[in-house]
Protein backbone atom coordinates (compact mmCIF):
# COMPACT_ATOMS: atom_id res chain seq x y z
CA MET A 1 -26.29 -15.85 29.07
CA SER A 2 -24.59 -18.61 27.08
CA GLU A 3 -22.90 -17.87 23.76
CA VAL A 4 -24.94 -18.55 20.62
CA LEU A 5 -23.41 -21.58 18.93
CA GLY A 6 -22.56 -21.72 15.24
CA ALA A 7 -24.62 -23.52 12.61
CA LEU A 8 -22.05 -26.36 12.50
CA ASP A 9 -21.94 -26.84 16.28
CA GLY A 10 -21.58 -30.56 17.00
CA VAL A 11 -19.68 -31.29 13.76
CA ARG A 12 -16.20 -32.68 14.42
CA ILE A 13 -13.54 -32.51 11.72
CA VAL A 14 -10.01 -33.94 11.80
CA ASP A 15 -7.83 -31.49 9.90
CA LEU A 16 -4.68 -32.95 8.34
CA THR A 17 -3.99 -29.92 6.14
CA GLN A 18 -1.14 -27.44 5.91
CA MET A 19 -0.23 -24.20 4.13
CA LEU A 20 -3.24 -22.25 2.76
CA ALA A 21 -5.82 -24.23 0.74
CA GLY A 22 -6.66 -26.85 3.37
CA PRO A 23 -6.43 -24.60 6.43
CA TYR A 24 -8.60 -21.94 4.76
CA CYS A 25 -11.21 -24.62 4.02
CA THR A 26 -11.34 -25.83 7.62
CA MET A 27 -11.23 -22.22 8.89
CA LEU A 28 -14.49 -21.54 7.07
CA LEU A 29 -16.06 -24.52 8.84
CA ALA A 30 -14.59 -23.51 12.21
CA ASP A 31 -15.96 -19.99 11.83
CA GLN A 32 -19.46 -21.51 11.62
CA GLY A 33 -18.98 -23.56 14.77
CA ALA A 34 -17.43 -26.85 13.65
CA GLU A 35 -14.89 -28.40 16.01
CA ILE A 36 -11.63 -28.53 14.07
CA ILE A 37 -8.88 -30.80 15.41
CA LYS A 38 -5.77 -29.61 13.59
CA VAL A 39 -3.29 -32.50 13.49
CA GLU A 40 0.17 -31.06 12.94
CA PRO A 41 3.61 -32.65 12.58
CA LEU A 42 5.85 -32.27 15.61
CA ASP A 43 7.52 -29.20 14.08
CA GLY A 44 4.13 -27.71 13.19
CA ASP A 45 2.37 -26.49 10.08
CA HIS A 46 5.11 -24.83 8.05
CA THR A 47 3.16 -21.57 7.90
CA ARG A 48 3.85 -21.08 11.63
CA ILE A 49 7.35 -19.85 10.75
CA ILE A 50 6.54 -17.83 7.64
CA GLY A 51 5.46 -14.72 9.55
CA PRO A 52 4.99 -11.84 9.38
CA TYR A 53 5.72 -11.37 13.06
CA HIS A 54 4.52 -8.32 14.97
CA VAL A 55 7.42 -6.12 16.07
CA ASP A 56 6.36 -6.58 19.73
CA ASP A 57 6.05 -10.39 19.55
CA LYS A 58 8.23 -11.84 22.31
CA LEU A 59 7.36 -15.50 21.65
CA LYS A 60 7.19 -15.90 17.86
CA ALA A 61 5.06 -19.07 18.21
CA PHE A 62 3.46 -18.18 14.88
CA GLY A 63 3.03 -15.16 12.64
CA GLY A 64 0.18 -13.44 10.89
CA TYR A 65 -0.16 -16.02 8.10
CA PHE A 66 -0.89 -18.86 10.52
CA ALA A 67 -2.99 -16.67 12.82
CA SER A 68 -5.24 -15.56 9.99
CA VAL A 69 -6.37 -18.95 8.67
CA ASN A 70 -6.14 -21.14 11.78
CA ARG A 71 -8.35 -19.21 14.20
CA ASN A 72 -11.10 -21.17 15.98
CA LYS A 73 -9.13 -24.46 15.78
CA LYS A 74 -7.56 -26.86 18.28
CA SER A 75 -4.01 -28.19 17.75
CA ILE A 76 -2.63 -31.65 18.43
CA ALA A 77 0.89 -32.57 17.29
CA ILE A 78 1.45 -36.17 16.12
CA ASP A 79 4.25 -37.86 14.18
CA LEU A 80 2.38 -39.67 11.38
CA LYS A 81 5.53 -41.56 10.40
CA ARG A 82 5.28 -43.61 13.58
CA PRO A 83 2.73 -46.47 13.80
CA GLU A 84 1.55 -45.34 17.23
CA GLY A 85 1.00 -41.84 15.86
CA ARG A 86 -1.08 -43.13 12.98
CA ASP A 87 -3.14 -45.24 15.38
CA LEU A 88 -4.02 -42.09 17.31
CA VAL A 89 -5.30 -40.45 14.13
CA LEU A 90 -7.39 -43.51 13.31
CA LYS A 91 -9.05 -43.28 16.72
CA LEU A 92 -9.68 -39.55 16.30
CA CYS A 93 -11.34 -40.23 12.93
CA ASP A 94 -13.55 -42.92 14.47
CA GLY A 95 -15.48 -40.17 16.23
CA ALA A 96 -15.36 -37.55 13.48
CA ASP A 97 -17.83 -36.40 10.85
CA ALA A 98 -15.10 -35.56 8.35
CA VAL A 99 -11.37 -35.65 7.75
CA VAL A 100 -9.65 -33.19 5.43
CA GLU A 101 -6.16 -33.50 3.95
CA ASN A 102 -4.13 -31.83 1.20
CA TYR A 103 -1.12 -34.10 0.92
CA ARG A 104 0.07 -35.21 -2.50
CA GLY A 105 -1.88 -38.14 -3.87
CA GLY A 106 -0.92 -41.50 -2.37
CA VAL A 107 0.72 -40.14 0.79
CA MET A 108 -2.20 -40.97 3.08
CA ASP A 109 -2.63 -44.36 1.40
CA ARG A 110 0.97 -45.24 2.17
CA LEU A 111 0.50 -44.17 5.78
CA GLY A 112 -2.46 -46.51 6.17
CA LEU A 113 -4.87 -43.57 6.47
CA SER A 114 -6.62 -43.88 3.12
CA TYR A 115 -10.28 -43.13 2.48
CA GLU A 116 -10.99 -46.84 2.19
CA THR A 117 -9.37 -47.63 5.55
CA LEU A 118 -11.11 -44.82 7.40
CA HIS A 119 -14.47 -45.43 5.69
CA ALA A 120 -14.36 -49.11 6.72
CA ARG A 121 -13.93 -48.06 10.36
CA ASN A 122 -16.43 -45.17 10.24
CA PRO A 123 -18.95 -45.52 7.37
CA LYS A 124 -20.44 -42.06 8.02
CA LEU A 125 -17.06 -40.35 7.64
CA VAL A 126 -16.67 -37.77 4.89
CA TYR A 127 -13.12 -37.79 3.53
CA ALA A 128 -12.14 -34.58 1.70
CA THR A 129 -9.03 -33.76 -0.28
CA ILE A 130 -7.61 -30.70 -2.03
CA ARG A 131 -4.89 -31.53 -4.53
CA GLY A 132 -3.43 -29.66 -7.47
CA PHE A 133 -4.91 -31.94 -10.11
CA GLY A 134 -7.44 -33.95 -8.15
CA ASP A 135 -7.42 -37.51 -6.89
CA PRO A 136 -7.47 -40.59 -9.18
CA ARG A 137 -10.56 -41.86 -7.36
CA THR A 138 -12.69 -39.25 -9.14
CA GLY A 139 -10.79 -39.01 -12.44
CA LYS A 140 -7.08 -39.68 -12.98
CA SER A 141 -5.29 -36.66 -14.42
CA PRO A 142 -2.03 -37.15 -16.33
CA TYR A 143 -0.66 -34.66 -13.80
CA SER A 144 -1.96 -36.43 -10.68
CA ASP A 145 1.53 -36.76 -9.22
CA PHE A 146 2.56 -33.17 -9.91
CA PRO A 147 2.94 -30.85 -6.89
CA ALA A 148 1.00 -27.60 -7.09
CA TYR A 149 0.72 -24.25 -5.38
CA ASP A 150 -1.45 -21.17 -5.87
CA VAL A 151 0.46 -19.84 -8.88
CA ILE A 152 0.31 -23.24 -10.61
CA SER A 153 -3.46 -23.53 -10.38
CA GLN A 154 -3.89 -19.89 -11.37
CA ALA A 155 -1.83 -20.56 -14.51
CA MET A 156 -3.44 -23.83 -15.62
CA GLY A 157 -6.99 -23.03 -14.48
CA GLY A 158 -7.23 -20.06 -16.84
CA ILE A 159 -7.42 -17.05 -14.55
CA MET A 160 -3.99 -15.65 -15.41
CA ALA A 161 -4.71 -15.79 -19.12
CA ILE A 162 -7.54 -13.28 -18.77
CA THR A 163 -5.85 -11.07 -16.17
CA GLY A 164 -3.30 -8.44 -17.06
CA PRO A 165 -2.73 -4.85 -18.23
CA ASP A 166 -2.99 -5.67 -21.94
CA LYS A 167 -3.84 -8.55 -24.25
CA ASP A 168 -0.26 -9.82 -24.36
CA THR A 169 0.63 -9.83 -20.66
CA PRO A 170 -0.88 -12.46 -18.32
CA LEU A 171 -0.76 -11.55 -14.64
CA LYS A 172 -0.97 -13.41 -11.35
CA VAL A 173 -4.00 -12.41 -9.27
CA GLY A 174 -2.91 -10.73 -6.03
CA PRO A 175 -4.47 -12.88 -3.27
CA GLY A 176 -3.88 -16.64 -3.30
CA VAL A 177 -7.06 -17.45 -5.20
CA GLY A 178 -5.43 -20.61 -6.56
CA ASP A 179 -5.61 -21.91 -2.98
CA ILE A 180 -8.58 -20.02 -1.57
CA VAL A 181 -11.11 -20.76 -4.33
CA PRO A 182 -10.47 -24.54 -4.02
CA ALA A 183 -10.75 -24.11 -0.24
CA ILE A 184 -14.17 -22.47 -0.50
CA THR A 185 -15.28 -25.10 -3.02
CA CYS A 186 -14.14 -27.92 -0.74
CA ALA A 187 -15.88 -26.45 2.31
CA PHE A 188 -19.12 -26.44 0.31
CA GLY A 189 -18.51 -30.06 -0.69
CA ILE A 190 -17.82 -31.12 2.88
CA VAL A 191 -20.99 -29.54 4.26
CA SER A 192 -23.01 -31.09 1.41
CA ALA A 193 -21.56 -34.54 2.06
CA ILE A 194 -22.07 -34.28 5.85
CA TYR A 195 -25.70 -33.34 5.26
CA ARG A 196 -26.09 -36.37 2.97
CA ALA A 197 -24.43 -38.64 5.53
CA SER A 198 -26.78 -37.39 8.24
CA ARG A 199 -29.71 -38.61 6.15
CA THR A 200 -28.28 -41.85 4.73
CA GLY A 201 -25.64 -42.90 7.25
CA LYS A 202 -23.10 -43.11 4.45
CA GLY A 203 -20.06 -40.89 4.04
CA GLN A 204 -18.19 -40.35 0.80
CA PHE A 205 -15.00 -39.11 -0.83
CA VAL A 206 -14.97 -35.37 -1.63
CA ASP A 207 -12.27 -34.32 -4.08
CA VAL A 208 -11.35 -30.82 -5.26
CA GLY A 209 -8.64 -30.27 -7.85
CA MET A 210 -7.15 -26.80 -7.49
CA VAL A 211 -6.98 -26.22 -11.24
CA ASP A 212 -10.57 -27.48 -11.61
CA ALA A 213 -11.84 -24.97 -9.05
CA ILE A 214 -10.09 -22.10 -10.83
CA LEU A 215 -11.56 -23.15 -14.18
CA ALA A 216 -15.01 -23.24 -12.58
CA VAL A 217 -14.52 -19.64 -11.41
CA CYS A 218 -13.43 -18.68 -14.94
CA GLU A 219 -16.66 -20.09 -16.41
CA ARG A 220 -16.97 -17.11 -18.76
CA ILE A 221 -13.98 -18.17 -20.85
CA MET A 222 -15.72 -21.45 -21.69
CA HIS A 223 -18.88 -19.91 -23.10
CA GLN A 224 -16.82 -17.29 -24.93
CA HIS A 225 -14.83 -20.12 -26.50
CA SER A 226 -17.75 -22.48 -27.12
CA TYR A 227 -20.50 -20.02 -28.13
CA ALA A 228 -18.49 -17.26 -29.78
CA GLN A 229 -15.45 -19.27 -30.93
CA SER A 230 -13.21 -16.62 -29.34
CA LEU A 231 -9.94 -16.89 -27.47
CA PRO A 232 -10.21 -14.69 -24.36
CA VAL A 233 -7.08 -12.68 -23.54
CA PRO A 234 -6.10 -10.45 -20.60
CA GLU A 235 -8.80 -7.84 -20.20
CA GLY A 236 -6.87 -5.00 -18.61
CA ASN A 237 -9.09 -3.06 -16.24
CA HIS A 238 -12.28 -3.22 -18.28
CA HIS A 239 -14.80 -5.89 -19.25
CA PRO A 240 -14.82 -7.83 -22.54
CA LEU A 241 -18.61 -7.69 -22.87
CA LEU A 242 -19.80 -4.67 -20.84
CA CYS A 243 -19.06 -0.93 -20.78
CA PRO A 244 -18.56 1.14 -18.72
CA PHE A 245 -17.46 -1.62 -16.37
CA GLY A 246 -13.98 -1.20 -14.96
CA MET A 247 -11.33 1.03 -13.45
CA PHE A 248 -10.88 4.74 -14.03
CA PRO A 249 -8.23 7.25 -12.91
CA ALA A 250 -8.77 9.64 -9.99
CA LYS A 251 -6.61 12.53 -8.84
CA ASP A 252 -5.20 10.41 -5.99
CA GLY A 253 -5.56 6.84 -7.28
CA PHE A 254 -8.26 4.87 -9.05
CA VAL A 255 -11.98 4.14 -8.84
CA THR A 256 -14.31 1.54 -10.34
CA ILE A 257 -17.63 2.13 -12.07
CA ALA A 258 -20.10 -0.44 -13.41
CA ALA A 259 -22.81 1.60 -15.18
CA HIS A 260 -23.25 -0.62 -18.22
CA ALA A 261 -26.94 -1.36 -17.63
CA ASP A 262 -29.73 0.61 -19.33
CA ALA A 263 -30.89 1.79 -15.89
CA HIS A 264 -27.51 3.20 -14.87
CA PHE A 265 -25.93 4.51 -18.07
CA PRO A 266 -28.14 7.63 -18.42
CA ILE A 267 -27.54 8.46 -14.75
CA LEU A 268 -23.78 8.19 -15.25
CA CYS A 269 -23.97 10.44 -18.32
CA ARG A 270 -25.72 13.10 -16.25
CA LEU A 271 -23.26 12.76 -13.37
CA ILE A 272 -20.27 13.33 -15.67
CA ASP A 273 -22.01 16.29 -17.36
CA ARG A 274 -22.45 14.38 -20.62
CA SER A 275 -26.21 13.95 -20.90
CA ASP A 276 -25.78 14.09 -24.67
CA MET A 277 -24.28 10.58 -24.57
CA ALA A 278 -27.47 9.14 -23.07
CA THR A 279 -29.36 9.84 -26.33
CA ASP A 280 -26.48 9.11 -28.71
CA GLN A 281 -27.42 6.06 -30.82
CA ARG A 282 -23.82 4.84 -30.67
CA PHE A 283 -24.51 3.96 -27.03
CA ALA A 284 -28.16 2.86 -27.25
CA THR A 285 -27.73 -0.78 -26.13
CA VAL A 286 -25.35 -2.84 -24.05
CA GLN A 287 -23.80 -4.18 -27.24
CA ASP A 288 -23.50 -0.67 -28.74
CA ARG A 289 -21.76 0.62 -25.64
CA ARG A 290 -19.29 -2.24 -25.74
CA ALA A 291 -18.61 -1.64 -29.47
CA ASN A 292 -17.84 2.03 -28.76
CA GLN A 293 -16.16 1.56 -25.41
CA ASP A 294 -13.13 3.75 -26.12
CA VAL A 295 -15.34 6.86 -26.44
CA ILE A 296 -17.14 6.09 -23.17
CA ILE A 297 -13.96 5.25 -21.26
CA ASP A 298 -12.33 8.49 -22.39
CA ALA A 299 -15.38 10.55 -21.36
CA VAL A 300 -15.66 8.97 -17.93
CA SER A 301 -11.90 9.20 -17.35
CA ALA A 302 -11.87 12.90 -18.26
CA PHE A 303 -14.32 13.50 -15.41
CA THR A 304 -12.85 11.19 -12.76
CA ARG A 305 -9.21 12.19 -13.13
CA GLN A 306 -10.03 15.74 -12.04
CA ARG A 307 -11.32 14.62 -8.62
CA THR A 308 -10.15 12.64 -5.58
CA LYS A 309 -11.46 9.21 -4.65
CA GLN A 310 -13.44 10.59 -1.73
CA GLU A 311 -14.92 13.39 -3.85
CA LEU A 312 -15.98 10.80 -6.41
CA LEU A 313 -17.44 8.57 -3.70
CA LYS A 314 -19.67 11.42 -2.54
CA HIS A 315 -20.60 12.26 -6.13
CA PHE A 316 -21.35 8.76 -7.49
CA GLY A 317 -22.04 6.74 -4.34
CA GLY A 318 -25.57 5.32 -4.21
CA LYS A 319 -26.40 6.62 -7.69
CA VAL A 320 -24.46 4.18 -9.87
CA PRO A 321 -22.39 1.11 -8.89
CA PHE A 322 -19.14 2.70 -7.72
CA SER A 323 -16.16 2.19 -5.44
CA PRO A 324 -12.75 3.70 -4.87
CA VAL A 325 -9.91 1.22 -5.32
CA TYR A 326 -9.02 0.67 -1.66
CA ASN A 327 -5.75 -0.38 -0.11
CA VAL A 328 -5.80 -2.01 3.31
CA ARG A 329 -5.44 1.31 5.15
CA ASP A 330 -8.52 2.58 3.32
CA ILE A 331 -10.36 -0.60 4.33
CA VAL A 332 -9.48 -0.21 8.00
CA ALA A 333 -10.66 3.41 7.93
CA ASP A 334 -13.96 2.78 6.14
CA PRO A 335 -17.02 2.45 8.44
CA HIS A 336 -18.54 -0.34 6.30
CA PHE A 337 -16.03 -2.96 7.46
CA LYS A 338 -16.44 -2.01 11.13
CA ALA A 339 -20.23 -2.14 10.86
CA ARG A 340 -19.99 -5.58 9.24
CA GLU A 341 -17.55 -6.89 11.88
CA MET A 342 -14.99 -7.69 9.20
CA LEU A 343 -11.99 -6.42 11.20
CA PRO A 344 -12.00 -8.41 14.48
CA TRP A 345 -9.32 -7.99 17.11
CA VAL A 346 -7.77 -11.19 18.50
CA PRO A 347 -5.18 -11.91 21.22
CA HIS A 348 -1.80 -13.26 20.10
CA PRO A 349 0.67 -15.29 22.18
CA GLY A 350 3.73 -13.20 22.95
CA LEU A 351 1.88 -9.90 22.65
CA ASP A 352 0.33 -7.84 25.42
CA HIS A 353 -2.17 -6.31 22.99
CA GLU A 354 -4.55 -7.62 20.32
CA VAL A 355 -4.09 -7.64 16.55
CA GLN A 356 -6.55 -7.48 13.66
CA ILE A 357 -7.34 -10.19 11.13
CA ALA A 358 -9.96 -10.48 8.38
CA GLY A 359 -13.38 -11.46 9.70
CA VAL A 360 -16.18 -13.85 8.75
CA ALA A 361 -17.99 -12.99 5.52
CA VAL A 362 -20.94 -15.40 5.93
CA LYS A 363 -23.47 -13.73 8.21
CA MET A 364 -26.34 -15.67 9.82
CA THR A 365 -29.10 -14.30 12.03
CA GLU A 366 -29.68 -17.28 14.35
CA THR A 367 -26.21 -18.82 14.43
CA PRO A 368 -23.75 -16.07 13.53
CA GLY A 369 -20.29 -17.23 12.56
CA LYS A 370 -17.50 -15.44 14.35
CA VAL A 371 -13.87 -15.51 15.38
CA ARG A 372 -14.30 -17.11 18.80
CA HIS A 373 -10.66 -17.67 19.72
CA ARG A 374 -7.14 -17.16 18.40
CA ALA A 375 -5.11 -19.70 16.43
CA PRO A 376 -3.68 -22.42 18.69
CA LEU A 377 -0.16 -22.94 19.91
CA LEU A 378 1.45 -26.08 18.53
CA GLY A 379 0.06 -29.06 20.45
CA GLU A 380 -1.95 -26.80 22.75
CA HIS A 381 -4.79 -29.36 22.89
CA THR A 382 -2.85 -32.63 22.58
CA ASP A 383 -3.63 -33.81 26.10
CA GLU A 384 -7.31 -32.88 25.77
CA TYR A 385 -7.88 -34.97 22.67
CA LEU A 386 -5.71 -37.92 23.63
CA LYS A 387 -7.66 -38.19 26.86
CA SER A 388 -10.90 -38.03 24.85
CA ILE A 389 -9.89 -41.22 23.01
CA GLY A 390 -9.07 -43.04 26.25
CA LEU A 391 -5.39 -42.41 26.95
CA SER A 392 -4.19 -41.89 30.50
CA THR A 393 -1.86 -39.13 31.65
CA GLY A 394 0.93 -41.68 31.95
CA GLU A 395 0.41 -42.95 28.41
CA ILE A 396 0.43 -39.40 27.07
CA ASP A 397 3.64 -38.63 28.96
CA ARG A 398 5.28 -41.71 27.42
CA LEU A 399 4.18 -40.74 23.90
CA ARG A 400 5.58 -37.26 24.44
CA ALA A 401 8.87 -38.63 25.80
CA ASP A 402 9.14 -40.94 22.76
CA LYS A 403 8.52 -37.94 20.47
CA ILE A 404 5.34 -39.44 18.99
CA VAL A 405 3.25 -36.49 20.13
CA ALA A 406 3.99 -32.95 21.26
């Protein structure tokens, strides 16, 4: 029986991205079946050498960082600084549905691989970019030429200003949301533009500014500022508008509870042996509960801190919105993530056993996304794709000897 193909089967994307934002974007598309041709420099995507490496890894071709966000892709290594190398990329793009890059603005233009050049050759091509402050084609930022990483977009996009232990201490969000949120946004834009091109025959330029994507995720700060004329500050571990909605102490860590709604608050009061609070007029409405949040937080905390996370899970689970605050060992041990296939095992070059990575969150019934194969070795598919654009074995050998491809 043949394998069920992903929803994006038949879509070909030339991936000129590195680090996290771009590769995460194309990973999402690869997980759903798109063919991703990862074009790397001759020394590879720089995340290949970042690690972490498994203690048993005999080869060290790449570490966990690269393995995690480059699964399901093919690798071809080309020197874009050489005219012959750039010509190979042009030919690859001639047969592609989209090309994605996250170089600084102007780099691809100077290489002769601009949107305009590629669009002229392949009018259906979707050209997508992820840059710190966007591309001038869609709105020139005064910071267009500034380099940016995760922490930069977190800072300017607004998420750090509302994250932190107290109102005076901004805090970086743990995972690289400054890269990953733009990546998710760009993947949505690419699929939208490919769908449009399939109907009209016309591709377009898709541009995601990293700071723009973070601001979009922080939409609440805009209506707080515009509607309520307030200046949102770090919220600690509770919500600025809802209560109880946040983190509470347990005997062995922390838990979260979101029982702010009229349907859940009386249930919570009963579960913490404080049914009197359910009829107290100080807590009658959502707004009242927020105005008197300190009393509620103290009452809930007095109950939770006397019990372990697992005891609280059994007590609250399924009755009010609740979760222990999990670390990764808790996640691996919890049956939910196994049932949802969120912890797949994959082979790794240099290891004689498999390793785990995070799985595919978008589930589909007819065309399920999945981790189909491990991240590629550098240039593992160079010959395959150069032959697909008409090069002979001899021509490929010459290009490799001249250090134009690897």
